[in-house]
């Protein structure tokens, strides 16, 4: 009877309902339509161009892998803010494996292993020794740059193009494109027709110049959903994040589940590091992660600890970064109009729900943003450069009230405590 209870999938905790996917598609479609209208109003073609869409996908991959790694860990009840450090281990591991073997696929394997070792260290500290999860994560983030600097100085300094802060040039992955879509869609995009050109830019951006790691990252999102919400293994793992004492009473090996989740979390973060070292760049460089592990955590929180929404959050932050890289100050300035209208709609919705104080605050901020848009022609360079980080803060501020984290996330668990 107990074994049957453990093996039988429980009712969903909020992330596995079919209507969730439909809602996500509707939201995505609504955002895309809003971007089309914004392009028409402002004349900023980079808002929906293939270059921006392709850059969005590329920039979302490392953020998405960090976010997915955080989801795996926190669904088991272990807070993982060491994702930044695990990504750093991944970048160095990719450089080590790819350079000394000459094989990019071995670099991929070594990068994932490097991140997984960082996850293992976090699991030993938090699960076995009961160290505070935040303290352990911060320690790993601080430790990683020092370790990789030492290893780089030891192994890369005498190599051509290498040194204590970077690796020599690395072998690259091939890029793939869907045959026959590049030129025809490019021609449609250049006409700047409403909807047709925008769709052409979207499809062309996501179907050309793809790296194998990008495809692997995309496939890992539904794979994570299936494993966590449609298998007995996932049910056991999630039960450890909701109530480990009850899970233990039903025969779940809680320590084993937590270890597996945190090591997988590190491996996913390491995969994001591989992308940074071997796809986004041609070598490992110190400081290459540049806060993406923390933005990944923000995407995980925005996504409410659910794979599909986490992917959407990564796409949002990737788009903010791509827009400031591809479109510059003009395109980012145009986003003020969209943000202002969105805040006005939020104010109306909150007023309808009877939350009048929140509605007034949203309306005041919306008016300020709209005035900023109409009274200026472009944004200061400093704001444009940090627009992805500003987006992170805004999203977390407005998403905080609807979040539902795992009930035992971050709690110190000792075997037998419930006896």
Protein backbone atom coordinates (compact mmCIF):
# COMPACT_ATOMS: atom_id res chain seq x y z
CA UNK A 1 0.00 0.00 0.00
CA UNK A 2 2.78 2.43 0.93
CA UNK A 3 4.73 1.62 -2.22
CA UNK A 4 1.60 2.16 -4.28
CA UNK A 5 1.05 5.57 -2.66
CA UNK A 6 4.60 6.61 -3.50
CA UNK A 7 4.47 5.37 -7.08
CA UNK A 8 1.07 6.76 -8.02
CA UNK A 9 1.34 10.32 -9.38
CA UNK A 10 -0.32 12.80 -7.05
CA UNK A 11 -2.59 15.57 -8.20
CA UNK A 12 -0.66 18.38 -9.78
CA UNK A 13 0.75 21.08 -7.54
CA UNK A 14 0.01 23.74 -10.10
CA UNK A 15 2.50 23.28 -12.91
CA UNK A 16 1.36 20.23 -14.85
CA UNK A 17 -2.14 21.07 -15.97
CA UNK A 18 -2.80 21.02 -19.72
CA UNK A 19 -4.46 24.41 -19.53
CA UNK A 20 -1.16 25.82 -18.26
CA UNK A 21 0.40 25.23 -21.68
CA UNK A 22 -2.57 26.85 -23.39
CA UNK A 23 -2.31 29.85 -21.11
CA UNK A 24 1.38 30.13 -21.87
CA UNK A 25 0.76 30.08 -25.61
CA UNK A 26 -1.94 32.74 -25.31
CA UNK A 27 0.37 34.96 -23.26
CA UNK A 28 3.21 34.44 -25.74
CA UNK A 29 0.94 35.31 -28.66
CA UNK A 30 -0.30 38.40 -26.85
CA UNK A 31 3.26 39.59 -26.18
CA UNK A 32 4.21 39.06 -29.82
CA UNK A 33 1.19 41.03 -31.06
CA UNK A 34 2.10 43.83 -28.65
CA UNK A 35 5.64 43.90 -30.06
CA UNK A 36 4.25 44.10 -33.60
CA UNK A 37 2.07 47.07 -32.69
CA UNK A 38 5.02 48.70 -30.93
CA UNK A 39 7.13 48.31 -34.08
CA UNK A 40 4.42 49.94 -36.18
CA UNK A 41 3.98 52.86 -33.78
CA UNK A 42 7.66 53.61 -33.17
CA UNK A 43 9.21 52.46 -36.47
CA UNK A 44 11.93 50.52 -34.63
CA UNK A 45 12.31 47.51 -36.93
CA UNK A 46 14.75 45.75 -34.61
CA UNK A 47 11.92 45.05 -32.18
CA UNK A 48 10.81 42.01 -34.23
CA UNK A 49 13.78 41.50 -36.56
CA UNK A 50 15.32 38.07 -37.16
CA UNK A 51 18.59 39.33 -35.70
CA UNK A 52 16.90 40.27 -32.44
CA UNK A 53 14.95 36.99 -32.30
CA UNK A 54 18.05 34.92 -32.99
CA UNK A 55 20.00 36.85 -30.38
CA UNK A 56 17.12 36.38 -27.92
CA UNK A 57 17.29 32.62 -28.32
CA UNK A 58 21.07 32.58 -27.95
CA UNK A 59 21.09 34.85 -24.91
CA UNK A 60 18.23 32.93 -23.29
CA UNK A 61 20.05 29.58 -23.38
CA UNK A 62 22.56 30.14 -20.53
CA UNK A 63 19.94 31.96 -18.45
CA UNK A 64 17.43 29.20 -19.11
CA UNK A 65 19.86 26.44 -18.16
CA UNK A 66 20.69 28.20 -14.89
CA UNK A 67 16.97 28.68 -14.23
CA UNK A 68 16.16 25.06 -15.02
CA UNK A 69 19.01 23.97 -12.76
CA UNK A 70 17.61 26.08 -9.96
CA UNK A 71 14.18 24.54 -10.52
CA UNK A 72 15.53 20.98 -10.15
CA UNK A 73 17.35 21.84 -6.95
CA UNK A 74 14.58 23.81 -5.31
CA UNK A 75 11.90 21.29 -6.22
CA UNK A 76 13.85 18.92 -3.96
CA UNK A 77 13.97 21.53 -1.20
CA UNK A 78 17.54 22.78 -1.66
CA UNK A 79 17.99 26.48 -2.43
CA UNK A 80 20.77 26.88 -4.99
CA UNK A 81 22.15 30.39 -5.32
CA UNK A 82 25.50 28.87 -6.25
CA UNK A 83 24.39 28.58 -9.88
CA UNK A 84 26.72 31.41 -10.84
CA UNK A 85 29.70 29.46 -9.54
CA UNK A 86 28.53 26.22 -11.14
CA UNK A 87 28.25 27.98 -14.50
CA UNK A 88 31.81 29.24 -14.00
CA UNK A 89 32.98 25.67 -13.42
CA UNK A 90 31.11 24.74 -16.59
CA UNK A 91 32.85 27.38 -18.70
CA UNK A 92 36.28 26.27 -17.51
CA UNK A 93 35.47 22.57 -17.83
CA UNK A 94 34.33 23.11 -21.41
CA UNK A 95 37.59 24.89 -22.24
CA UNK A 96 39.69 22.18 -20.62
CA UNK A 97 37.93 19.29 -22.33
CA UNK A 98 37.63 20.92 -25.76
CA UNK A 99 41.15 22.33 -25.95
CA UNK A 100 43.15 19.33 -24.77
CA UNK A 101 41.07 16.81 -26.76
CA UNK A 102 40.34 18.96 -29.82
CA UNK A 103 36.76 17.68 -29.66
CA UNK A 104 33.92 20.13 -28.85
CA UNK A 105 31.66 17.30 -27.71
CA UNK A 106 34.20 16.27 -25.08
CA UNK A 107 34.25 19.91 -24.03
CA UNK A 108 30.47 19.73 -23.63
CA UNK A 109 30.82 16.63 -21.44
CA UNK A 110 33.57 18.16 -19.29
CA UNK A 111 31.59 21.38 -18.85
CA UNK A 112 28.53 19.51 -17.63
CA UNK A 113 30.71 17.45 -15.29
CA UNK A 114 32.33 20.62 -13.98
CA UNK A 115 28.95 22.12 -13.13
CA UNK A 116 27.77 18.81 -11.64
CA UNK A 117 30.84 18.73 -9.37
CA UNK A 118 29.89 22.18 -8.13
CA UNK A 119 26.39 20.83 -7.47
CA UNK A 120 27.85 17.83 -5.64
CA UNK A 121 29.84 20.16 -3.39
CA UNK A 122 26.67 22.11 -2.63
CA UNK A 123 24.79 18.87 -1.88
CA UNK A 124 27.51 17.63 0.49
CA UNK A 125 27.45 20.92 2.37
CA UNK A 126 23.68 21.35 2.60
CA UNK A 127 22.27 17.82 2.62
CA UNK A 128 24.95 15.88 4.49
CA UNK A 129 26.36 18.54 6.82
CA UNK A 130 23.31 20.76 7.12
CA UNK A 131 25.07 23.99 6.14
CA UNK A 132 22.74 26.90 5.49
CA UNK A 133 21.81 26.79 1.80
CA UNK A 134 22.50 30.48 1.20
CA UNK A 135 25.90 30.33 2.87
CA UNK A 136 26.91 27.29 0.83
CA UNK A 137 25.72 28.84 -2.43
CA UNK A 138 27.58 32.09 -1.79
CA UNK A 139 30.71 30.15 -0.87
CA UNK A 140 30.61 28.20 -4.14
CA UNK A 141 30.09 31.40 -6.13
CA UNK A 142 33.12 32.95 -4.42
CA UNK A 143 35.19 29.77 -4.71
CA UNK A 144 34.65 29.14 -8.42
CA UNK A 145 36.55 32.15 -9.85
CA UNK A 146 39.51 31.45 -7.58
CA UNK A 147 39.67 27.77 -8.51
CA UNK A 148 39.33 28.43 -12.24
CA UNK A 149 41.97 31.20 -12.09
CA UNK A 150 44.41 28.79 -10.41
CA UNK A 151 43.68 26.00 -12.91
CA UNK A 152 43.95 28.38 -15.86
CA UNK A 153 47.31 29.64 -14.61
CA UNK A 154 48.44 26.04 -14.20
CA UNK A 155 47.23 24.65 -17.54
CA UNK A 156 46.67 27.51 -20.01
CA UNK A 157 49.50 29.98 -19.35
CA UNK A 158 52.06 28.29 -21.58
CA UNK A 159 49.55 27.59 -24.35
CA UNK A 160 49.28 29.89 -27.35
CA UNK A 161 46.60 32.49 -26.70
CA UNK A 162 46.03 31.24 -23.17
CA UNK A 163 46.73 32.70 -19.76
CA UNK A 164 45.55 32.95 -16.19
CA UNK A 165 42.32 34.67 -17.23
CA UNK A 166 41.49 32.91 -20.49
CA UNK A 167 41.95 29.72 -22.45
CA UNK A 168 43.43 29.31 -25.92
CA UNK A 169 40.94 29.32 -28.83
CA UNK A 170 38.58 26.34 -28.68
CA UNK A 171 37.16 24.09 -31.40
CA UNK A 172 33.63 25.15 -32.25
CA UNK A 173 30.35 23.34 -32.77
CA UNK A 174 28.78 23.32 -36.23
CA UNK A 175 25.71 25.47 -36.71
CA UNK A 176 22.52 24.14 -38.24
CA UNK A 177 19.73 25.85 -40.16
CA UNK A 178 16.47 24.54 -41.53
CA UNK A 179 17.06 24.28 -45.29
CA UNK A 180 15.29 26.74 -47.55
CA UNK A 181 14.07 29.23 -44.95
CA UNK A 182 16.85 31.82 -44.83
CA UNK A 183 16.52 33.78 -48.09
CA UNK A 184 12.74 33.59 -48.61
CA UNK A 185 11.99 34.65 -45.05
CA UNK A 186 14.67 37.34 -45.23
CA UNK A 187 12.97 38.77 -48.30
CA UNK A 188 9.59 38.83 -46.54
CA UNK A 189 11.11 40.41 -43.46
CA UNK A 190 12.68 43.24 -45.46
CA UNK A 191 9.26 44.37 -46.74
CA UNK A 192 8.22 45.28 -43.17
CA UNK A 193 4.64 44.18 -43.75
CA UNK A 194 2.47 43.98 -40.67
CA UNK A 195 2.37 40.50 -39.12
CA UNK A 196 3.83 38.72 -42.20
CA UNK A 197 7.26 40.34 -41.92
CA UNK A 198 7.21 40.01 -38.15
CA UNK A 199 6.43 36.30 -38.34
CA UNK A 200 9.13 35.90 -40.97
CA UNK A 201 11.63 37.57 -38.64
CA UNK A 202 10.61 35.36 -35.74
CA UNK A 203 10.78 32.10 -37.69
CA UNK A 204 14.01 33.03 -39.45
CA UNK A 205 15.63 34.03 -36.17
CA UNK A 206 14.88 30.77 -34.38
CA UNK A 207 15.44 28.36 -37.29
CA UNK A 208 18.80 29.54 -38.63
CA UNK A 209 22.29 29.39 -37.17
CA UNK A 210 21.38 27.00 -34.36
CA UNK A 211 24.07 25.29 -32.32
CA UNK A 212 23.63 21.73 -30.98
CA UNK A 213 23.66 23.10 -27.43
CA UNK A 214 20.72 25.35 -28.26
CA UNK A 215 18.70 22.36 -29.46
CA UNK A 216 19.70 20.33 -26.39
CA UNK A 217 18.66 23.22 -24.12
CA UNK A 218 15.26 23.51 -25.82
CA UNK A 219 14.63 19.77 -25.47
CA UNK A 220 15.60 19.80 -21.80
CA UNK A 221 12.57 21.95 -20.94
CA UNK A 222 9.88 19.38 -21.89
CA UNK A 223 12.17 16.59 -20.68
CA UNK A 224 12.35 18.21 -17.24
CA UNK A 225 8.58 18.64 -17.18
CA UNK A 226 8.06 14.98 -18.05
CA UNK A 227 10.57 13.69 -15.52
CA UNK A 228 9.37 15.88 -12.66
CA UNK A 229 5.60 15.70 -13.25
CA UNK A 230 4.99 12.45 -15.09
CA UNK A 231 7.28 9.89 -13.44
CA UNK A 232 7.52 8.24 -10.02
CA UNK A 233 11.06 9.60 -9.72
CA UNK A 234 9.78 13.15 -10.19
CA UNK A 235 6.97 12.61 -7.70
CA UNK A 236 9.43 11.43 -5.07
CA UNK A 237 11.79 14.29 -5.78
CA UNK A 238 9.07 16.93 -5.54
CA UNK A 239 7.72 15.37 -2.35
CA UNK A 240 11.11 16.04 -0.76
CA UNK A 241 10.67 19.73 -1.52
CA UNK A 242 7.13 19.83 -0.15
CA UNK A 243 7.36 17.68 2.99
CA UNK A 244 10.54 15.59 3.38
CA UNK A 245 9.39 14.10 6.68
CA UNK A 246 6.19 12.77 5.13
CA UNK A 247 8.17 11.55 2.11
CA UNK A 248 10.55 9.68 4.41
CA UNK A 249 7.61 8.03 6.19
CA UNK A 250 6.46 6.69 2.80
CA UNK A 251 9.83 5.14 2.05
CA UNK A 252 11.37 7.86 -0.11
CA UNK A 253 15.17 8.07 0.16
CA UNK A 254 15.20 11.80 0.82
CA UNK A 255 18.97 12.25 0.92
CA UNK A 256 19.35 10.35 -2.33
CA UNK A 257 16.68 12.45 -4.05
CA UNK A 258 18.20 15.71 -2.87
CA UNK A 259 21.66 14.67 -4.00
CA UNK A 260 20.36 13.66 -7.42
CA UNK A 261 18.46 16.93 -7.84
CA UNK A 262 21.34 19.21 -6.82
CA UNK A 263 23.90 17.35 -8.97
CA UNK A 264 21.52 17.57 -11.96
CA UNK A 265 21.05 21.26 -11.12
CA UNK A 266 24.80 21.80 -11.29
CA UNK A 267 25.05 19.88 -14.56
CA UNK A 268 22.38 22.05 -16.17
CA UNK A 269 24.13 25.21 -14.98
CA UNK A 270 27.36 23.76 -16.35
CA UNK A 271 25.67 23.30 -19.72
CA UNK A 272 24.84 26.99 -19.69
CA UNK A 273 28.52 27.66 -19.02
CA UNK A 274 29.49 25.48 -22.00
CA UNK A 275 27.30 27.64 -24.22
CA UNK A 276 29.03 30.79 -23.01
CA UNK A 277 32.52 29.41 -23.61
CA UNK A 278 32.00 27.54 -26.88
CA UNK A 279 29.01 29.08 -28.67
CA UNK A 280 28.68 32.67 -27.47
CA UNK A 281 32.47 32.93 -27.48
CA UNK A 282 35.44 31.05 -28.90
CA UNK A 283 37.27 30.55 -25.59
CA UNK A 284 36.92 30.58 -21.83
CA UNK A 285 37.36 34.03 -20.25
CA UNK A 286 37.37 35.03 -16.63
CA UNK A 287 34.11 36.73 -15.64
CA UNK A 288 32.34 35.23 -18.64
CA UNK A 289 29.22 34.28 -16.67
CA UNK A 290 28.70 37.93 -15.69
CA UNK A 291 25.69 37.50 -13.40
CA UNK A 292 23.71 35.15 -15.63
CA UNK A 293 23.38 32.64 -12.79
CA UNK A 294 21.56 35.25 -10.71
CA UNK A 295 19.37 36.28 -13.64
CA UNK A 296 18.61 32.57 -14.06
CA UNK A 297 17.41 32.51 -10.46
CA UNK A 298 15.17 35.47 -11.25
CA UNK A 299 13.79 33.60 -14.28
CA UNK A 300 13.10 30.57 -12.08
CA UNK A 301 11.21 32.69 -9.55
CA UNK A 302 9.32 34.51 -12.32
CA UNK A 303 8.43 31.10 -13.75
CA UNK A 304 7.02 29.99 -10.40
CA UNK A 305 9.23 26.89 -10.30
CA UNK A 306 7.59 25.40 -13.44
CA UNK A 307 9.61 24.44 -16.55
CA UNK A 308 7.45 26.08 -19.22
CA UNK A 309 7.14 29.38 -17.39
CA UNK A 310 10.85 29.26 -16.52
CA UNK A 311 11.59 29.04 -20.25
CA UNK A 312 9.33 32.04 -20.81
CA UNK A 313 11.18 33.99 -18.13
CA UNK A 314 14.52 33.14 -19.71
CA UNK A 315 13.17 34.30 -23.07
CA UNK A 316 12.03 37.59 -21.53
CA UNK A 317 15.44 38.34 -20.04
CA UNK A 318 17.15 37.15 -23.23
CA UNK A 319 14.98 39.50 -25.27
CA UNK A 320 15.81 42.45 -23.01
CA UNK A 321 19.51 41.73 -23.48
CA UNK A 322 19.17 41.17 -27.23
CA UNK A 323 17.23 44.39 -27.71
CA UNK A 324 19.90 46.52 -26.07
CA UNK A 325 22.61 44.77 -28.10
CA UNK A 326 20.86 44.79 -31.47
CA UNK A 327 18.49 47.76 -31.31
CA UNK A 328 20.42 50.11 -29.07
CA UNK A 329 18.98 53.13 -27.30
CA UNK A 330 16.11 53.70 -29.75
CA UNK A 331 14.61 50.23 -29.43
CA UNK A 332 14.97 50.17 -25.65
CA UNK A 333 13.38 53.63 -25.49
CA UNK A 334 10.42 52.30 -27.49
CA UNK A 335 9.85 49.65 -24.83
CA UNK A 336 8.91 52.43 -22.40
CA UNK A 337 5.65 52.82 -24.29
CA UNK A 338 4.86 49.12 -23.94
CA UNK A 339 5.77 49.13 -20.26
CA UNK A 340 3.62 52.20 -19.60
CA UNK A 341 0.57 50.72 -21.33
CA UNK A 342 1.11 47.42 -19.54
CA UNK A 343 1.22 49.17 -16.17
CA UNK A 344 -2.00 51.04 -16.99
CA UNK A 345 -3.70 47.75 -17.81
CA UNK A 346 -2.37 46.32 -14.54
CA UNK A 347 -3.78 49.33 -12.66
CA UNK A 348 -7.21 48.76 -14.19
CA UNK A 349 -7.10 45.06 -13.33
CA UNK A 350 -6.08 45.73 -9.74
CA UNK A 351 -8.81 48.32 -9.39
CA UNK A 352 -11.34 45.79 -10.71
CA UNK A 353 -10.13 43.31 -8.08
CA UNK A 354 -10.57 45.91 -5.34
CA UNK A 355 -6.86 46.40 -4.68
CA UNK A 356 -7.06 50.16 -4.85
CA UNK A 357 -3.73 51.07 -3.28
CA UNK A 358 -1.83 48.81 -5.68
CA UNK A 359 -3.92 50.16 -8.57
CA UNK A 360 -3.04 53.77 -7.72
CA UNK A 361 0.67 52.93 -7.43
CA UNK A 362 0.63 51.14 -10.79
CA UNK A 363 -1.19 54.06 -12.42
CA UNK A 364 1.25 56.63 -11.04
CA UNK A 365 4.25 54.62 -12.23
CA UNK A 366 2.58 54.12 -15.62
CA UNK A 367 2.04 57.86 -16.07
CA UNK A 368 5.66 58.50 -15.16
CA UNK A 369 6.93 55.94 -17.67
CA UNK A 370 4.68 57.30 -20.44
CA UNK A 371 5.82 60.86 -19.77
CA UNK A 372 9.39 59.64 -19.92
CA UNK A 373 8.67 58.12 -23.33
CA UNK A 374 6.89 61.13 -24.84
CA UNK A 375 9.30 63.75 -23.47
CA UNK A 376 12.54 62.06 -24.54
CA UNK A 377 13.95 60.64 -27.77
CA UNK A 378 16.36 58.06 -26.35
CA UNK A 379 17.62 56.66 -23.07
CA UNK A 380 21.02 57.26 -21.46
CA UNK A 381 23.61 54.67 -22.43
CA UNK A 382 23.93 53.50 -18.81
CA UNK A 383 20.25 52.59 -18.63
CA UNK A 384 20.38 50.85 -22.01
CA UNK A 385 23.38 48.76 -20.94
CA UNK A 386 21.73 47.67 -17.71
CA UNK A 387 18.24 47.22 -19.12
CA UNK A 388 18.35 43.38 -18.66
CA UNK A 389 19.12 43.83 -14.96
CA UNK A 390 16.45 46.51 -14.61
CA UNK A 391 14.00 44.14 -16.32
CA UNK A 392 14.93 41.48 -13.75
CA UNK A 393 14.09 43.80 -10.85
CA UNK A 394 10.80 44.96 -12.41
CA UNK A 395 9.63 41.44 -13.20
CA UNK A 396 10.39 40.17 -9.70
CA UNK A 397 8.68 43.17 -8.14
CA UNK A 398 5.43 42.59 -10.04
CA UNK A 399 5.54 38.78 -9.97
CA UNK A 400 6.21 38.37 -6.24
CA UNK A 401 2.56 38.30 -5.18
CA UNK A 402 1.58 35.24 -7.23
CA UNK A 403 4.48 32.94 -6.37
CA UNK A 404 4.19 29.55 -4.75
CA UNK A 405 7.57 28.07 -3.89
CA UNK A 406 8.00 24.47 -2.66
CA UNK A 407 6.84 24.36 0.96
CA UNK A 408 10.09 22.95 2.37
CA UNK A 409 12.43 24.91 0.11
CA UNK A 410 15.54 25.89 2.07
CA UNK A 411 14.61 23.93 5.20
CA UNK A 412 17.31 21.96 6.98
CA UNK A 413 16.36 18.27 6.93
CA UNK A 414 17.75 15.57 9.20
CA UNK A 415 16.80 11.94 8.73
CA UNK A 416 14.46 10.63 11.39
CA UNK A 417 13.31 14.06 12.62
CA UNK A 418 9.67 13.11 12.11
CA UNK A 419 9.92 9.90 14.11
